[in-house]
Amino acid sequence: MLKYPELPIHNNASELAARVQVRDRDVSLHTMSEAGTRVKDTFMTISQTAKKLGIRTYEYIYDRVSGALEMPSLADVMIERSGIPLDL
């Protein structure tokens, strides 16, 4: 019996997410510095996570940059939707 049967037993979603990053890197011909790579990776992570959660990336980034903080963090949304209790 699986402890968390609602979780998939494959990693296809992770593989597809990694493919987006690699494809973008190949098409854009890389960044000019390590700092640029970190920034690009950060934005890609935020963008892909928001997309998976059905949150509009522009609105989320605007909410964070403007300081409005009216939207919950992506981490909070992930925790809420996971249904896994935090008091393990």
Foldseek 3Di string as FASTA:
>chain_A
DDPDVVDDPDCVVVVVLVVVVVVVCVVVVHDDDPVVVVVVVVLSVQCVLCVVLVHHSVVVVCCVVVVVCPDDDSVVSVVVVVPDDPPD
